Amino acid sequence: MIHIRAVQPEEFEAFWALRLEGLQTNPEAFGSTYEESVKLSAAEAKGRLRADTSNFVIGAHTVDGSLVGMFGFKRESGIKSEHKGFIWGVYLKPRFRGQGIAKQLLDEVICKARAIEGLRQINLSVLASNESAKYLYMNAGFETYGFERCALMKDGQCYDEELMALIL
């Protein structure tokens, strides 16, 4: 049984361990690298875990409380862009994939985002080669609005990304 809920600040160590695992397991899928992230100060790292209505991390927790998956959300802060937010830091431990947990996480992010006054759009970027993630997002109503060639580069290899948006 998996419980979907916001990750709390007191769960920082579990959150950060999962974040670093994601960066090591699927380095091509993140703009950040493990090598950069592991050097962050505790204060900088804790800044990634926010717990307010406009910036949050939704986690998948096992019955024993272990954090096995997460989706981050952050609202844009500029006057002309505060109507948008974006999904970041998506990761699910490999042994929990293919069970519908990512859909539950995404549904909760969308639900919480819809409750944010003035928010009209959720953006994300996804590896163009990640068919299962693209399928998840498309089924939730996201549409591709752009394609960036060589958006990320790791060890000399380019990775293309699709840019997607959900209009609320």
Protein backbone atom coordinates (compact mmCIF):
# COMPACT_ATOMS: atom_id res chain seq x y z
CA MET A 1 0.00 0.00 0.00
CA ILE A 2 1.32 3.42 -1.00
CA HIS A 3 0.30 6.70 0.63
CA ILE A 4 0.49 9.87 -1.45
CA ARG A 5 1.04 13.06 0.54
CA ALA A 6 3.18 16.16 0.78
CA VAL A 7 6.74 15.58 1.96
CA GLN A 8 7.27 17.50 5.18
CA PRO A 9 10.39 19.50 6.12
CA GLU A 10 11.21 17.01 8.86
CA GLU A 11 11.51 14.36 6.13
CA PHE A 12 14.38 16.24 4.52
CA GLU A 13 16.93 13.43 4.89
CA ALA A 14 14.66 10.89 3.17
CA PHE A 15 13.81 13.44 0.47
CA TRP A 16 17.47 14.30 -0.17
CA ALA A 17 18.53 10.64 -0.25
CA LEU A 18 15.81 9.93 -2.84
CA ARG A 19 16.80 13.00 -4.86
CA LEU A 20 20.45 11.92 -4.95
CA GLU A 21 19.42 8.36 -5.87
CA GLY A 22 17.42 9.71 -8.80
CA LEU A 23 20.36 11.78 -9.99
CA GLN A 24 22.57 8.67 -9.90
CA THR A 25 20.04 6.20 -11.31
CA ASN A 26 18.75 8.34 -14.19
CA PRO A 27 21.31 11.13 -14.67
CA GLU A 28 20.07 11.86 -18.19
CA ALA A 29 16.64 12.84 -16.89
CA PHE A 30 17.64 15.75 -14.67
CA GLY A 31 19.09 19.19 -15.29
CA SER A 32 21.06 18.87 -12.05
CA THR A 33 23.82 16.34 -11.53
CA TYR A 34 24.68 14.16 -8.59
CA GLU A 35 28.16 15.68 -8.51
CA GLU A 36 26.75 19.23 -8.23
CA SER A 37 24.01 18.34 -5.79
CA VAL A 38 26.12 16.40 -3.33
CA LYS A 39 28.26 19.55 -2.87
CA LEU A 40 25.30 21.74 -1.84
CA SER A 41 25.27 23.04 1.71
CA ALA A 42 22.55 21.72 4.00
CA ALA A 43 20.74 25.07 3.78
CA GLU A 44 20.82 25.07 -0.04
CA ALA A 45 19.64 21.47 -0.20
CA LYS A 46 16.83 22.12 2.30
CA GLY A 47 15.68 24.98 0.07
CA ARG A 48 14.63 22.34 -2.48
CA LEU A 49 12.08 20.94 -0.03
CA ARG A 50 9.38 23.51 0.42
CA ALA A 51 6.12 23.09 2.18
CA ASP A 52 3.75 25.90 1.26
CA THR A 53 0.79 26.19 -1.05
CA SER A 54 2.81 27.31 -4.08
CA ASN A 55 5.95 25.21 -3.72
CA PHE A 56 5.78 21.62 -2.59
CA VAL A 57 6.97 18.07 -3.06
CA ILE A 58 4.44 15.26 -3.22
CA GLY A 59 5.80 11.91 -2.10
CA ALA A 60 4.87 8.26 -2.40
CA HIS A 61 5.33 6.62 0.99
CA THR A 62 5.20 2.92 1.83
CA VAL A 63 3.26 1.67 4.85
CA ASP A 64 6.45 1.85 6.94
CA GLY A 65 6.88 5.49 5.91
CA SER A 66 9.72 5.03 3.40
CA LEU A 67 9.78 7.63 0.65
CA VAL A 68 9.91 5.83 -2.71
CA GLY A 69 8.83 8.48 -5.20
CA MET A 70 8.32 12.20 -5.62
CA PHE A 71 7.13 15.04 -7.84
CA GLY A 72 8.16 18.61 -7.07
CA PHE A 73 6.09 21.67 -7.95
CA LYS A 74 7.11 25.33 -7.96
CA ARG A 75 5.07 28.36 -8.89
CA GLU A 76 6.80 31.02 -10.98
CA SER A 77 7.47 34.17 -8.98
CA GLY A 78 7.56 36.96 -11.57
CA ILE A 79 4.62 39.31 -11.94
CA LYS A 80 4.14 38.30 -15.58
CA SER A 81 4.73 34.58 -14.98
CA GLU A 82 3.06 33.85 -11.63
CA HIS A 83 0.11 32.33 -13.51
CA LYS A 84 2.42 29.37 -14.27
CA GLY A 85 4.11 26.66 -12.26
CA PHE A 86 6.34 23.78 -13.19
CA ILE A 87 6.92 20.19 -12.22
CA TRP A 88 10.48 19.26 -11.30
CA GLY A 89 12.46 16.44 -9.71
CA VAL A 90 10.23 13.55 -10.77
CA TYR A 91 11.61 10.21 -9.60
CA LEU A 92 10.21 6.84 -8.61
CA LYS A 93 12.40 4.00 -7.37
CA PRO A 94 12.66 1.41 -10.18
CA ARG A 95 10.97 -1.42 -8.26
CA PHE A 96 7.85 0.73 -7.77
CA ARG A 97 7.44 1.68 -11.44
CA GLY A 98 4.61 0.31 -13.57
CA GLN A 99 2.16 0.16 -10.64
CA GLY A 100 0.25 3.41 -11.19
CA ILE A 101 2.12 5.27 -8.44
CA ALA A 102 3.43 7.97 -10.79
CA LYS A 103 -0.17 8.65 -11.89
CA GLN A 104 -1.24 9.00 -8.26
CA LEU A 105 1.62 11.43 -7.61
CA LEU A 106 0.84 13.47 -10.72
CA ASP A 107 -2.88 13.55 -9.90
CA GLU A 108 -2.10 14.93 -6.44
CA VAL A 109 0.25 17.60 -7.85
CA ILE A 110 -2.44 18.70 -10.32
CA CYS A 111 -5.09 18.72 -7.57
CA LYS A 112 -2.94 20.90 -5.30
CA ALA A 113 -1.96 23.16 -8.19
CA ARG A 114 -5.62 23.71 -9.14
CA ALA A 115 -6.20 25.05 -5.62
CA ILE A 116 -3.59 27.79 -6.05
CA GLU A 117 -5.36 31.07 -6.70
CA GLY A 118 -4.44 32.58 -10.05
CA LEU A 119 -2.52 29.54 -11.33
CA ARG A 120 -3.52 28.79 -14.92
CA GLN A 121 -0.82 26.54 -16.34
CA ILE A 122 1.57 23.76 -15.32
CA ASN A 123 4.71 23.24 -17.41
CA LEU A 124 7.23 20.43 -17.47
CA SER A 125 10.00 19.03 -19.60
CA VAL A 126 10.49 15.34 -20.24
CA LEU A 127 13.12 13.33 -22.09
CA ALA A 128 11.86 12.89 -25.63
CA SER A 129 12.86 9.22 -25.44
CA ASN A 130 10.90 8.55 -22.21
CA GLU A 131 7.73 7.15 -23.74
CA SER A 132 6.18 5.97 -20.47
CA ALA A 133 6.52 9.42 -18.87
CA LYS A 134 5.17 11.18 -21.96
CA TYR A 135 2.20 8.78 -21.98
CA LEU A 136 1.54 9.55 -18.30
CA TYR A 137 1.59 13.30 -18.91
CA MET A 138 -0.52 13.15 -22.10
CA ASN A 139 -3.15 11.04 -20.32
CA ALA A 140 -3.33 13.73 -17.63
CA GLY A 141 -4.04 16.36 -20.29
CA PHE A 142 -0.56 17.79 -20.92
CA GLU A 143 0.18 18.80 -24.49
CA THR A 144 3.54 19.19 -26.17
CA TYR A 145 4.25 22.80 -27.11
CA GLY A 146 7.92 22.53 -27.97
CA PHE A 147 10.91 20.33 -28.56
CA GLU A 148 14.44 21.19 -27.52
CA ARG A 149 17.24 19.36 -29.24
CA CYS A 150 20.22 18.56 -27.05
CA ALA A 151 18.50 20.13 -24.03
CA LEU A 152 20.83 18.22 -21.74
CA MET A 153 24.26 16.74 -22.28
CA LYS A 154 25.84 14.03 -20.16
CA ASP A 155 29.22 12.47 -20.94
CA GLY A 156 29.16 13.91 -24.45
CA GLN A 157 25.72 12.53 -25.31
CA CYS A 158 22.83 14.85 -26.14
CA TYR A 159 19.35 14.31 -24.76
CA ASP A 160 16.34 15.94 -26.38
CA GLU A 161 13.41 17.15 -24.29
CA GLU A 162 9.75 17.73 -25.03
CA LEU A 163 8.20 20.76 -23.39
CA MET A 164 4.66 20.12 -22.17
CA ALA A 165 1.93 22.18 -20.58
CA LEU A 166 -1.42 21.59 -18.90
CA ILE A 167 -3.87 24.48 -19.07
CA LEU A 168 -5.94 24.46 -15.89
